[in-house]
Amino acid sequence: MHLLSGYQGLEALLADARRAGVENIVLQSSSAVPGGDLGNAVARYHILSEQAVRRSGLAWTMLQPNSFMSNTLQWLPQLRAGDLVRAPFADVPVATIDPYDVAAVSARALTEAGHAGRSYRLSGPESLRPADRVAVLARALGRELRFQAQSDEEASAELRAAMPPEYVEAFFSFFADGTLDESDVLPTVQEITGRPPRSFQQWADAHTDAFR
């Protein structure tokens, strides 16, 4: 069974799964977990979810992926309005990962021996800043896109309109204060699946229809 972190009723669900004969759990957790910062609201709900799974009595595998390439879909309203993309944390490189690769690792963990009790950090194949991702997306779409960095003040106001304040503080801690480093390119996807993780160019080429 593949589960996501942070939802209410996780412990009850795990107990029901055990009674129903489920043997293996893959928890889709976060790159923030290894840091162990319970004071960070985003890291905390992932850490607590991992703890619940470890206590469940079921065989488990933890997946701790970097930020998803699919987060780029947040730019859709801007791209419908014009060719300028404005985004926060402009100087922060991230080896984003295609959710397809997270699913591929999960499928291996659920169907092959040797993954129980393991925690896997997952990344994509290259570390890119937001402006780099805009340039890749421009090639995929055949558009002359431009990137403009948001100030921390602008980014904070925009994020606060979309999520609770403690989550805004968490993301600023990660990417403005630098408490989370997602820049490293990790070999895990290739080691487990036997193929390299998909690049951001591949992700963009596969999703051009969404941006049109």
N, C-alpha and C. Protein backbone atom coordinates (compact mmCIF):
# COMPACT_ATOMS: atom_id res chain seq x y z
N MET A 1 0.84 -1.19 0.00
CA MET A 1 0.00 0.00 0.00
C MET A 1 0.89 1.25 0.00
N HIS A 2 0.62 2.17 -0.91
CA HIS A 2 1.35 3.43 -0.99
C HIS A 2 0.53 4.50 -0.28
N LEU A 3 1.14 5.17 0.70
CA LEU A 3 0.44 6.18 1.49
C LEU A 3 1.16 7.51 1.42
N LEU A 4 0.41 8.59 1.63
CA LEU A 4 0.96 9.93 1.73
C LEU A 4 1.02 10.35 3.19
N SER A 5 1.98 11.22 3.50
CA SER A 5 2.13 11.72 4.87
C SER A 5 1.11 12.79 5.19
N GLY A 6 0.87 12.97 6.50
CA GLY A 6 0.22 14.18 6.98
C GLY A 6 -1.28 14.16 7.09
N TYR A 7 -1.91 13.04 6.79
CA TYR A 7 -3.37 13.02 6.83
C TYR A 7 -3.88 12.47 8.16
N GLN A 8 -4.99 12.99 8.61
CA GLN A 8 -5.59 12.53 9.85
C GLN A 8 -6.04 11.07 9.69
N GLY A 9 -6.00 10.35 10.79
CA GLY A 9 -6.46 8.98 10.78
C GLY A 9 -5.45 7.98 10.27
N LEU A 10 -4.18 8.39 10.16
CA LEU A 10 -3.17 7.48 9.61
C LEU A 10 -3.01 6.24 10.48
N GLU A 11 -2.97 6.40 11.80
CA GLU A 11 -2.76 5.25 12.67
C GLU A 11 -3.93 4.27 12.57
N ALA A 12 -5.15 4.79 12.49
CA ALA A 12 -6.32 3.91 12.34
C ALA A 12 -6.27 3.18 11.00
N LEU A 13 -5.88 3.89 9.96
CA LEU A 13 -5.76 3.28 8.64
C LEU A 13 -4.72 2.16 8.65
N LEU A 14 -3.60 2.40 9.30
CA LEU A 14 -2.55 1.38 9.38
C LEU A 14 -3.03 0.15 10.14
N ALA A 15 -3.79 0.38 11.21
CA ALA A 15 -4.34 -0.75 11.97
C ALA A 15 -5.32 -1.54 11.11
N ASP A 16 -6.17 -0.84 10.36
CA ASP A 16 -7.12 -1.52 9.47
C ASP A 16 -6.37 -2.31 8.39
N ALA A 17 -5.30 -1.71 7.88
CA ALA A 17 -4.51 -2.38 6.84
C ALA A 17 -3.89 -3.67 7.37
N ARG A 18 -3.41 -3.60 8.59
CA ARG A 18 -2.80 -4.80 9.18
C ARG A 18 -3.84 -5.90 9.37
N ARG A 19 -5.03 -5.52 9.84
CA ARG A 19 -6.09 -6.51 10.03
C ARG A 19 -6.56 -7.10 8.70
N ALA A 20 -6.46 -6.28 7.65
CA ALA A 20 -6.91 -6.73 6.33
C ALA A 20 -5.87 -7.59 5.61
N GLY A 21 -4.70 -7.71 6.21
CA GLY A 21 -3.68 -8.57 5.61
C GLY A 21 -2.68 -7.85 4.72
N VAL A 22 -2.71 -6.51 4.74
CA VAL A 22 -1.69 -5.77 3.99
C VAL A 22 -0.32 -6.10 4.58
N GLU A 23 0.64 -6.33 3.73
CA GLU A 23 1.96 -6.75 4.19
C GLU A 23 3.00 -5.65 4.13
N ASN A 24 2.93 -4.79 3.11
CA ASN A 24 3.98 -3.79 2.89
C ASN A 24 3.37 -2.40 2.76
N ILE A 25 4.03 -1.43 3.41
CA ILE A 25 3.64 -0.03 3.31
C ILE A 25 4.80 0.75 2.71
N VAL A 26 4.49 1.56 1.69
CA VAL A 26 5.43 2.58 1.22
C VAL A 26 4.85 3.93 1.60
N LEU A 27 5.59 4.69 2.39
CA LEU A 27 5.14 6.02 2.78
C LEU A 27 5.88 7.06 1.95
N GLN A 28 5.12 7.88 1.25
CA GLN A 28 5.71 8.99 0.50
C GLN A 28 5.90 10.15 1.47
N SER A 29 7.11 10.32 1.91
CA SER A 29 7.45 11.28 2.94
C SER A 29 8.14 12.49 2.31
N SER A 30 9.24 12.95 2.89
CA SER A 30 9.83 14.21 2.43
C SER A 30 11.33 14.25 2.65
N SER A 31 12.00 15.01 1.82
CA SER A 31 13.43 15.26 1.98
C SER A 31 13.75 15.99 3.27
N ALA A 32 12.74 16.59 3.90
CA ALA A 32 12.97 17.34 5.14
C ALA A 32 13.10 16.43 6.35
N VAL A 33 12.70 15.17 6.23
CA VAL A 33 12.69 14.29 7.41
C VAL A 33 14.07 14.05 8.00
N PRO A 34 15.11 13.75 7.18
CA PRO A 34 16.41 13.47 7.79
C PRO A 34 16.95 14.59 8.68
N GLY A 35 16.52 15.83 8.45
CA GLY A 35 16.95 16.93 9.29
C GLY A 35 16.39 16.88 10.70
N GLY A 36 15.26 16.20 10.88
CA GLY A 36 14.68 15.97 12.20
C GLY A 36 14.13 17.19 12.90
N ASP A 37 13.78 18.24 12.16
CA ASP A 37 13.34 19.51 12.76
C ASP A 37 11.84 19.48 13.05
N LEU A 38 11.48 19.12 14.27
CA LEU A 38 10.06 19.10 14.65
C LEU A 38 9.48 20.50 14.84
N GLY A 39 10.34 21.50 14.87
CA GLY A 39 9.85 22.88 14.95
C GLY A 39 9.40 23.42 13.61
N ASN A 40 9.71 22.71 12.53
CA ASN A 40 9.29 23.11 11.20
C ASN A 40 7.99 22.38 10.88
N ALA A 41 6.92 23.12 10.57
CA ALA A 41 5.59 22.53 10.44
C ALA A 41 5.53 21.49 9.32
N VAL A 42 6.22 21.73 8.21
CA VAL A 42 6.18 20.78 7.11
C VAL A 42 6.98 19.54 7.45
N ALA A 43 8.19 19.73 7.96
CA ALA A 43 9.00 18.57 8.36
C ALA A 43 8.29 17.76 9.44
N ARG A 44 7.61 18.44 10.36
CA ARG A 44 6.99 17.76 11.50
C ARG A 44 5.93 16.75 11.06
N TYR A 45 5.05 17.14 10.14
CA TYR A 45 3.99 16.19 9.81
C TYR A 45 4.53 14.98 9.05
N HIS A 46 5.61 15.16 8.32
CA HIS A 46 6.23 14.01 7.68
C HIS A 46 6.94 13.12 8.71
N ILE A 47 7.64 13.74 9.64
CA ILE A 47 8.35 12.98 10.68
C ILE A 47 7.36 12.17 11.51
N LEU A 48 6.25 12.79 11.91
CA LEU A 48 5.26 12.09 12.73
C LEU A 48 4.59 10.96 11.94
N SER A 49 4.39 11.17 10.64
CA SER A 49 3.81 10.11 9.82
C SER A 49 4.77 8.93 9.72
N GLU A 50 6.06 9.21 9.54
CA GLU A 50 7.04 8.12 9.51
C GLU A 50 7.04 7.36 10.84
N GLN A 51 6.94 8.08 11.94
CA GLN A 51 6.93 7.41 13.25
C GLN A 51 5.72 6.49 13.37
N ALA A 52 4.56 6.94 12.89
CA ALA A 52 3.36 6.11 12.97
C ALA A 52 3.52 4.84 12.14
N VAL A 53 4.12 4.96 10.96
CA VAL A 53 4.32 3.79 10.11
C VAL A 53 5.30 2.82 10.76
N ARG A 54 6.36 3.34 11.37
CA ARG A 54 7.34 2.47 12.03
C ARG A 54 6.71 1.70 13.20
N ARG A 55 5.72 2.30 13.85
CA ARG A 55 5.06 1.65 14.99
C ARG A 55 3.97 0.67 14.57
N SER A 56 3.65 0.63 13.29
CA SER A 56 2.45 -0.08 12.84
C SER A 56 2.58 -1.61 12.90
N GLY A 57 3.79 -2.12 12.94
CA GLY A 57 3.99 -3.56 12.88
C GLY A 57 4.00 -4.12 11.47
N LEU A 58 3.84 -3.25 10.46
CA LEU A 58 3.88 -3.65 9.07
C LEU A 58 5.29 -3.42 8.51
N ALA A 59 5.65 -4.19 7.50
CA ALA A 59 6.90 -3.91 6.78
C ALA A 59 6.74 -2.57 6.07
N TRP A 60 7.80 -1.75 6.11
CA TRP A 60 7.67 -0.41 5.56
C TRP A 60 8.91 -0.01 4.77
N THR A 61 8.69 0.93 3.83
CA THR A 61 9.76 1.61 3.11
C THR A 61 9.38 3.08 3.06
N MET A 62 10.33 3.95 3.40
CA MET A 62 10.09 5.39 3.37
C MET A 62 10.72 5.99 2.11
N LEU A 63 9.94 6.77 1.38
CA LEU A 63 10.45 7.53 0.24
C LEU A 63 10.51 9.00 0.64
N GLN A 64 11.68 9.61 0.46
CA GLN A 64 11.91 11.00 0.87
C GLN A 64 12.36 11.82 -0.34
N PRO A 65 11.40 12.14 -1.22
CA PRO A 65 11.76 12.82 -2.47
C PRO A 65 11.99 14.32 -2.30
N ASN A 66 12.76 14.86 -3.23
CA ASN A 66 12.88 16.31 -3.36
C ASN A 66 11.57 16.90 -3.87
N SER A 67 11.56 18.21 -4.02
CA SER A 67 10.41 18.90 -4.60
C SER A 67 10.08 18.32 -5.98
N PHE A 68 8.80 18.31 -6.31
CA PHE A 68 8.34 17.69 -7.56
C PHE A 68 8.45 18.64 -8.76
N MET A 69 8.79 18.07 -9.90
CA MET A 69 8.75 18.84 -11.15
C MET A 69 7.34 19.36 -11.43
N SER A 70 6.35 18.60 -11.01
CA SER A 70 4.95 18.99 -11.27
C SER A 70 4.55 20.26 -10.53
N ASN A 71 5.35 20.71 -9.54
CA ASN A 71 5.06 21.99 -8.91
C ASN A 71 5.12 23.14 -9.91
N THR A 72 5.78 22.91 -11.05
CA THR A 72 5.85 23.91 -12.11
C THR A 72 4.47 24.28 -12.62
N LEU A 73 3.50 23.40 -12.45
CA LEU A 73 2.14 23.71 -12.88
C LEU A 73 1.56 24.91 -12.13
N GLN A 74 2.19 25.29 -11.02
CA GLN A 74 1.77 26.50 -10.32
C GLN A 74 1.95 27.74 -11.18
N TRP A 75 2.77 27.64 -12.20
CA TRP A 75 3.02 28.80 -13.07
C TRP A 75 1.95 28.97 -14.15
N LEU A 76 1.01 28.04 -14.23
CA LEU A 76 0.02 28.08 -15.31
C LEU A 76 -0.72 29.42 -15.41
N PRO A 77 -1.24 29.99 -14.31
CA PRO A 77 -1.95 31.26 -14.46
C PRO A 77 -1.08 32.35 -15.07
N GLN A 78 0.20 32.40 -14.69
CA GLN A 78 1.09 33.41 -15.26
C GLN A 78 1.32 33.17 -16.75
N LEU A 79 1.48 31.92 -17.13
CA LEU A 79 1.76 31.61 -18.53
C LEU A 79 0.53 31.82 -19.41
N ARG A 80 -0.64 31.72 -18.82
CA ARG A 80 -1.85 32.04 -19.59
C ARG A 80 -1.98 33.54 -19.81
N ALA A 81 -1.39 34.31 -18.89
CA ALA A 81 -1.49 35.77 -18.97
C ALA A 81 -0.39 36.39 -19.80
N GLY A 82 0.72 35.69 -19.99
CA GLY A 82 1.83 36.26 -20.73
C GLY A 82 3.06 35.38 -20.69
N ASP A 83 4.21 35.98 -20.96
CA ASP A 83 5.46 35.22 -21.08
C ASP A 83 6.40 35.45 -19.90
N LEU A 84 5.93 36.12 -18.86
CA LEU A 84 6.76 36.39 -17.69
C LEU A 84 6.39 35.44 -16.56
N VAL A 85 7.40 34.78 -16.00
CA VAL A 85 7.21 33.90 -14.84
C VAL A 85 7.93 34.54 -13.66
N ARG A 86 7.20 34.77 -12.58
CA ARG A 86 7.77 35.31 -11.37
C ARG A 86 7.69 34.24 -10.29
N ALA A 87 8.79 33.98 -9.59
CA ALA A 87 8.82 32.91 -8.61
C ALA A 87 9.78 33.26 -7.48
N PRO A 88 9.58 32.67 -6.31
CA PRO A 88 10.46 32.94 -5.16
C PRO A 88 11.73 32.09 -5.18
N PHE A 89 12.62 32.40 -4.26
CA PHE A 89 13.82 31.60 -3.99
C PHE A 89 14.64 31.39 -5.27
N ALA A 90 14.89 32.51 -5.96
CA ALA A 90 15.51 32.46 -7.30
C ALA A 90 16.91 31.88 -7.29
N ASP A 91 17.62 32.01 -6.18
CA ASP A 91 19.01 31.56 -6.14
C ASP A 91 19.16 30.13 -5.61
N VAL A 92 18.05 29.45 -5.40
CA VAL A 92 18.10 28.12 -4.78
C VAL A 92 18.03 27.03 -5.84
N PRO A 93 19.11 26.26 -6.03
CA PRO A 93 19.06 25.14 -6.97
C PRO A 93 18.43 23.92 -6.32
N VAL A 94 17.58 23.24 -7.07
CA VAL A 94 16.89 22.05 -6.58
C VAL A 94 16.95 20.97 -7.65
N ALA A 95 17.31 19.77 -7.25
CA ALA A 95 17.26 18.61 -8.15
C ALA A 95 15.86 18.03 -8.08
N THR A 96 14.91 18.73 -8.72
CA THR A 96 13.51 18.31 -8.66
C THR A 96 13.34 16.93 -9.27
N ILE A 97 12.27 16.25 -8.85
CA ILE A 97 12.03 14.88 -9.31
C ILE A 97 10.66 14.78 -9.96
N ASP A 98 10.60 13.98 -11.02
CA ASP A 98 9.34 13.68 -11.69
C ASP A 98 8.54 12.72 -10.79
N PRO A 99 7.28 13.02 -10.47
CA PRO A 99 6.48 12.08 -9.67
C PRO A 99 6.45 10.68 -10.27
N TYR A 100 6.60 10.58 -11.59
CA TYR A 100 6.67 9.27 -12.24
C TYR A 100 7.78 8.42 -11.63
N ASP A 101 8.91 9.04 -11.31
CA ASP A 101 10.03 8.29 -10.76
C ASP A 101 9.78 7.89 -9.30
N VAL A 102 9.06 8.71 -8.57
CA VAL A 102 8.67 8.32 -7.22
C VAL A 102 7.77 7.09 -7.28
N ALA A 103 6.83 7.11 -8.22
CA ALA A 103 5.93 5.97 -8.39
C ALA A 103 6.70 4.72 -8.81
N ALA A 104 7.72 4.88 -9.66
CA ALA A 104 8.50 3.73 -10.12
C ALA A 104 9.27 3.10 -8.97
N VAL A 105 9.84 3.94 -8.10
CA VAL A 105 10.54 3.42 -6.93
C VAL A 105 9.56 2.73 -5.99
N SER A 106 8.40 3.33 -5.79
CA SER A 106 7.39 2.73 -4.93
C SER A 106 6.97 1.36 -5.45
N ALA A 107 6.77 1.25 -6.75
CA ALA A 107 6.36 -0.04 -7.33
C ALA A 107 7.40 -1.11 -7.06
N ARG A 108 8.68 -0.75 -7.17
CA ARG A 108 9.74 -1.72 -6.88
C ARG A 108 9.71 -2.11 -5.40
N ALA A 109 9.55 -1.11 -4.54
CA ALA A 109 9.55 -1.39 -3.10
C ALA A 109 8.39 -2.29 -2.69
N LEU A 110 7.27 -2.18 -3.39
CA LEU A 110 6.10 -2.98 -3.05
C LEU A 110 6.12 -4.38 -3.65
N THR A 111 6.92 -4.58 -4.68
CA THR A 111 6.85 -5.85 -5.40
C THR A 111 8.14 -6.66 -5.35
N GLU A 112 9.22 -6.09 -4.81
CA GLU A 112 10.50 -6.77 -4.75
C GLU A 112 10.96 -6.94 -3.31
N ALA A 113 11.73 -7.95 -3.06
CA ALA A 113 12.33 -8.14 -1.74
C ALA A 113 13.51 -7.19 -1.57
N GLY A 114 13.85 -6.92 -0.32
CA GLY A 114 15.05 -6.16 -0.01
C GLY A 114 14.85 -4.70 0.30
N HIS A 115 13.60 -4.22 0.28
CA HIS A 115 13.36 -2.80 0.52
C HIS A 115 12.74 -2.52 1.89
N ALA A 116 12.32 -3.53 2.60
CA ALA A 116 11.70 -3.33 3.91
C ALA A 116 12.70 -2.74 4.89
N GLY A 117 12.22 -1.75 5.65
CA GLY A 117 13.06 -1.11 6.64
C GLY A 117 14.05 -0.13 6.08
N ARG A 118 13.88 0.26 4.81
CA ARG A 118 14.81 1.19 4.18
C ARG A 118 14.14 2.54 3.99
N SER A 119 14.95 3.60 4.10
CA SER A 119 14.52 4.97 3.80
C SER A 119 15.33 5.46 2.61
N TYR A 120 14.64 5.91 1.57
CA TYR A 120 15.30 6.30 0.33
C TYR A 120 15.12 7.78 0.05
N ARG A 121 16.23 8.51 -0.01
CA ARG A 121 16.20 9.89 -0.50
C ARG A 121 16.21 9.86 -2.02
N LEU A 122 15.34 10.64 -2.64
CA LEU A 122 15.16 10.61 -4.09
C LEU A 122 15.33 12.00 -4.69
N SER A 123 16.03 12.06 -5.82
CA SER A 123 16.18 13.32 -6.54
C SER A 123 16.06 13.08 -8.03
N GLY A 124 15.95 14.18 -8.77
CA GLY A 124 16.06 14.12 -10.21
C GLY A 124 17.53 14.14 -10.63
N PRO A 125 17.79 14.22 -11.96
CA PRO A 125 19.15 14.06 -12.47
C PRO A 125 19.95 15.34 -12.60
N GLU A 126 19.37 16.48 -12.25
CA GLU A 126 20.08 17.74 -12.43
C GLU A 126 19.54 18.77 -11.44
N SER A 127 20.41 19.67 -11.03
CA SER A 127 20.03 20.70 -10.08
C SER A 127 19.82 22.01 -10.82
N LEU A 128 18.61 22.53 -10.77
CA LEU A 128 18.24 23.72 -11.54
C LEU A 128 17.64 24.80 -10.65
N ARG A 129 17.94 26.04 -10.98
CA ARG A 129 17.27 27.18 -10.34
C ARG A 129 15.97 27.47 -11.10
N PRO A 130 15.08 28.28 -10.50
CA PRO A 130 13.83 28.58 -11.20
C PRO A 130 14.03 29.13 -12.62
N ALA A 131 15.01 30.01 -12.79
CA ALA A 131 15.26 30.57 -14.13
C ALA A 131 15.67 29.49 -15.12
N ASP A 132 16.41 28.48 -14.64
CA ASP A 132 16.80 27.37 -15.50
C ASP A 132 15.57 26.58 -15.95
N ARG A 133 14.64 26.37 -15.02
CA ARG A 133 13.43 25.61 -15.37
C ARG A 133 12.57 26.41 -16.35
N VAL A 134 12.53 27.72 -16.20
CA VAL A 134 11.80 28.55 -17.15
C VAL A 134 12.41 28.42 -18.54
N ALA A 135 13.74 28.41 -18.62
CA ALA A 135 14.41 28.28 -19.93
C ALA A 135 14.09 26.93 -20.57
N VAL A 136 14.07 25.87 -19.77
CA VAL A 136 13.73 24.55 -20.30
C VAL A 136 12.28 24.54 -20.79
N LEU A 137 11.39 25.10 -19.99
CA LEU A 137 9.98 25.13 -20.37
C LEU A 137 9.78 25.96 -21.64
N ALA A 138 10.55 27.03 -21.78
CA ALA A 138 10.45 27.85 -23.00
C ALA A 138 10.80 27.03 -24.23
N ARG A 139 11.83 26.20 -24.13
CA ARG A 139 12.20 25.35 -25.27
C ARG A 139 11.09 24.35 -25.58
N ALA A 140 10.52 23.78 -24.55
CA ALA A 140 9.47 22.78 -24.76
C ALA A 140 8.24 23.39 -25.41
N LEU A 141 7.93 24.62 -25.04
CA LEU A 141 6.71 25.27 -25.53
C LEU A 141 6.94 26.10 -26.79
N GLY A 142 8.22 26.34 -27.13
CA GLY A 142 8.51 27.21 -28.26
C GLY A 142 8.09 28.64 -28.02
N ARG A 143 8.25 29.10 -26.78
CA ARG A 143 7.88 30.47 -26.41
C ARG A 143 9.08 31.21 -25.84
N GLU A 144 9.07 32.52 -25.97
CA GLU A 144 10.14 33.36 -25.43
C GLU A 144 9.75 33.75 -23.99
N LEU A 145 9.96 32.84 -23.07
CA LEU A 145 9.60 33.09 -21.67
C LEU A 145 10.71 33.85 -20.97
N ARG A 146 10.30 34.66 -19.99
CA ARG A 146 11.26 35.42 -19.18
C ARG A 146 11.02 35.09 -17.70
N PHE A 147 12.07 35.19 -16.93
CA PHE A 147 11.97 34.93 -15.50
C PHE A 147 12.28 36.20 -14.71
N GLN A 148 11.51 36.40 -13.63
CA GLN A 148 11.77 37.52 -12.72
C GLN A 148 11.66 37.00 -11.28
N ALA A 149 12.68 37.27 -10.50
CA ALA A 149 12.68 36.82 -9.11
C ALA A 149 11.70 37.63 -8.27
N GLN A 150 10.94 36.95 -7.45
CA GLN A 150 10.10 37.63 -6.47
C GLN A 150 10.92 38.00 -5.25
N SER A 151 10.59 39.11 -4.65
CA SER A 151 11.20 39.44 -3.36
C SER A 151 10.62 38.53 -2.29
N ASP A 152 11.32 38.43 -1.17
CA ASP A 152 10.79 37.62 -0.07
C ASP A 152 9.45 38.15 0.41
N GLU A 153 9.30 39.47 0.40
CA GLU A 153 8.05 40.07 0.86
C GLU A 153 6.88 39.70 -0.06
N GLU A 154 7.12 39.77 -1.37
CA GLU A 154 6.08 39.40 -2.33
C GLU A 154 5.75 37.91 -2.22
N ALA A 155 6.78 37.10 -2.12
CA ALA A 155 6.56 35.66 -2.03
C ALA A 155 5.80 35.30 -0.77
N SER A 156 6.15 35.93 0.34
CA SER A 156 5.47 35.65 1.60
C SER A 156 3.98 35.99 1.51
N ALA A 157 3.67 37.15 0.93
CA ALA A 157 2.27 37.56 0.81
C ALA A 157 1.49 36.59 -0.07
N GLU A 158 2.10 36.15 -1.17
CA GLU A 158 1.42 35.23 -2.08
C GLU A 158 1.21 33.87 -1.43
N LEU A 159 2.22 33.37 -0.74
CA LEU A 159 2.09 32.07 -0.08
C LEU A 159 1.09 32.11 1.05
N ARG A 160 1.05 33.22 1.81
CA ARG A 160 0.11 33.32 2.92
C ARG A 160 -1.33 33.33 2.45
N ALA A 161 -1.54 33.73 1.20
CA ALA A 161 -2.90 33.68 0.65
C ALA A 161 -3.31 32.27 0.27
N ALA A 162 -2.32 31.35 0.21
CA ALA A 162 -2.60 30.00 -0.27
C ALA A 162 -2.46 28.91 0.78
N MET A 163 -1.83 29.22 1.94
CA MET A 163 -1.56 28.16 2.91
C MET A 163 -1.45 28.75 4.31
N PRO A 164 -1.54 27.93 5.36
CA PRO A 164 -1.41 28.42 6.72
C PRO A 164 -0.05 29.08 6.97
N PRO A 165 0.00 30.08 7.87
CA PRO A 165 1.25 30.80 8.12
C PRO A 165 2.41 29.90 8.53
N GLU A 166 2.13 28.84 9.30
CA GLU A 166 3.23 27.99 9.76
C GLU A 166 3.89 27.25 8.59
N TYR A 167 3.13 27.00 7.52
CA TYR A 167 3.72 26.36 6.35
C TYR A 167 4.56 27.37 5.56
N VAL A 168 4.11 28.61 5.50
CA VAL A 168 4.91 29.65 4.85
C VAL A 168 6.24 29.80 5.58
N GLU A 169 6.19 29.84 6.90
CA GLU A 169 7.43 29.93 7.68
C GLU A 169 8.32 28.73 7.43
N ALA A 170 7.72 27.56 7.27
CA ALA A 170 8.49 26.34 7.02
C ALA A 170 9.24 26.44 5.70
N PHE A 171 8.56 26.88 4.64
CA PHE A 171 9.20 26.96 3.33
C PHE A 171 10.28 28.05 3.31
N PHE A 172 10.06 29.13 4.01
CA PHE A 172 11.10 30.16 4.10
C PHE A 172 12.30 29.64 4.89
N SER A 173 12.04 28.84 5.90
CA SER A 173 13.15 28.22 6.62
C SER A 173 13.95 27.32 5.69
N PHE A 174 13.24 26.52 4.88
CA PHE A 174 13.91 25.61 3.95
C PHE A 174 14.77 26.37 2.95
N PHE A 175 14.12 27.31 2.24
CA PHE A 175 14.72 27.84 1.02
C PHE A 175 15.30 29.24 1.14
N ALA A 176 14.85 30.03 2.11
CA ALA A 176 15.47 31.34 2.32
C ALA A 176 16.58 31.24 3.36
N ASP A 177 16.31 30.51 4.44
CA ASP A 177 17.33 30.34 5.48
C ASP A 177 18.30 29.20 5.17
N GLY A 178 17.94 28.35 4.24
CA GLY A 178 18.84 27.28 3.82
C GLY A 178 18.91 26.09 4.73
N THR A 179 17.82 25.81 5.48
CA THR A 179 17.85 24.65 6.38
C THR A 179 17.61 23.33 5.65
N LEU A 180 17.21 23.39 4.38
CA LEU A 180 17.00 22.18 3.58
C LEU A 180 17.76 22.33 2.28
N ASP A 181 18.59 21.36 1.97
CA ASP A 181 19.37 21.37 0.73
C ASP A 181 18.87 20.26 -0.18
N GLU A 182 18.21 20.64 -1.27
CA GLU A 182 17.73 19.67 -2.25
C GLU A 182 18.54 19.76 -3.55
N SER A 183 19.76 20.26 -3.46
CA SER A 183 20.56 20.46 -4.67
C SER A 183 21.33 19.22 -5.10
N ASP A 184 21.57 18.30 -4.18
CA ASP A 184 22.38 17.13 -4.52
C ASP A 184 21.63 16.21 -5.49
N VAL A 185 22.36 15.74 -6.49
CA VAL A 185 21.83 14.74 -7.42
C VAL A 185 22.19 13.37 -6.85
N LEU A 186 21.16 12.58 -6.56
CA LEU A 186 21.34 11.31 -5.87
C LEU A 186 21.16 10.13 -6.83
N PRO A 187 21.85 9.02 -6.58
CA PRO A 187 21.79 7.87 -7.49
C PRO A 187 20.63 6.92 -7.23
N THR A 188 19.77 7.23 -6.28
CA THR A 188 18.82 6.24 -5.76
C THR A 188 17.85 5.71 -6.81
N VAL A 189 17.28 6.61 -7.62
CA VAL A 189 16.29 6.16 -8.61
C VAL A 189 16.92 5.14 -9.55
N GLN A 190 18.11 5.44 -10.04
CA GLN A 190 18.77 4.50 -10.95
C GLN A 190 19.12 3.19 -10.25
N GLU A 191 19.59 3.29 -9.02
CA GLU A 191 19.96 2.08 -8.29
C GLU A 191 18.77 1.14 -8.10
N ILE A 192 17.59 1.70 -7.88
CA ILE A 192 16.42 0.87 -7.58
C ILE A 192 15.68 0.44 -8.84
N THR A 193 15.56 1.35 -9.81
CA THR A 193 14.76 1.04 -11.00
C THR A 193 15.59 0.53 -12.17
N GLY A 194 16.91 0.75 -12.12
CA GLY A 194 17.76 0.33 -13.23
C GLY A 194 17.82 1.31 -14.37
N ARG A 195 17.24 2.49 -14.21
CA ARG A 195 17.31 3.53 -15.24
C ARG A 195 17.44 4.88 -14.58
N PRO A 196 18.00 5.87 -15.28
CA PRO A 196 18.15 7.19 -14.67
C PRO A 196 16.81 7.88 -14.47
N PRO A 197 16.72 8.76 -13.50
CA PRO A 197 15.48 9.53 -13.34
C PRO A 197 15.25 10.44 -14.54
N ARG A 198 14.01 10.78 -14.78
CA ARG A 198 13.67 11.62 -15.94
C ARG A 198 14.09 13.06 -15.68
N SER A 199 14.57 13.70 -16.71
CA SER A 199 15.03 15.09 -16.62
C SER A 199 13.85 16.05 -16.64
N PHE A 200 14.13 17.29 -16.25
CA PHE A 200 13.08 18.30 -16.32
C PHE A 200 12.67 18.55 -17.77
N GLN A 201 13.62 18.44 -18.70
CA GLN A 201 13.26 18.58 -20.11
C GLN A 201 12.27 17.50 -20.52
N GLN A 202 12.49 16.28 -20.08
CA GLN A 202 11.56 15.20 -20.39
C GLN A 202 10.19 15.46 -19.78
N TRP A 203 10.19 15.94 -18.53
CA TRP A 203 8.91 16.25 -17.89
C TRP A 203 8.18 17.34 -18.67
N ALA A 204 8.91 18.41 -19.02
CA ALA A 204 8.29 19.53 -19.74
C ALA A 204 7.75 19.08 -21.09
N ASP A 205 8.53 18.28 -21.83
CA ASP A 205 8.08 17.81 -23.13
C ASP A 205 6.82 16.95 -23.00
N ALA A 206 6.72 16.18 -21.92
CA ALA A 206 5.57 15.30 -21.72
C ALA A 206 4.32 16.06 -21.29
N HIS A 207 4.47 17.32 -20.85
CA HIS A 207 3.33 18.06 -20.29
C HIS A 207 3.06 19.37 -21.04
N THR A 208 3.51 19.46 -22.28
CA THR A 208 3.28 20.71 -23.01
C THR A 208 1.79 21.01 -23.17
N ASP A 209 0.97 19.98 -23.33
CA ASP A 209 -0.46 20.24 -23.50
C ASP A 209 -1.05 20.95 -22.29
N ALA A 210 -0.55 20.65 -21.08
CA ALA A 210 -1.08 21.30 -19.88
C ALA A 210 -0.81 22.80 -19.91
N PHE A 211 0.29 23.20 -20.55
CA PHE A 211 0.65 24.61 -20.57
C PHE A 211 0.07 25.36 -21.76
N ARG A 212 -0.62 24.63 -22.62
CA ARG A 212 -1.29 25.27 -23.74
C ARG A 212 -2.79 25.37 -23.51
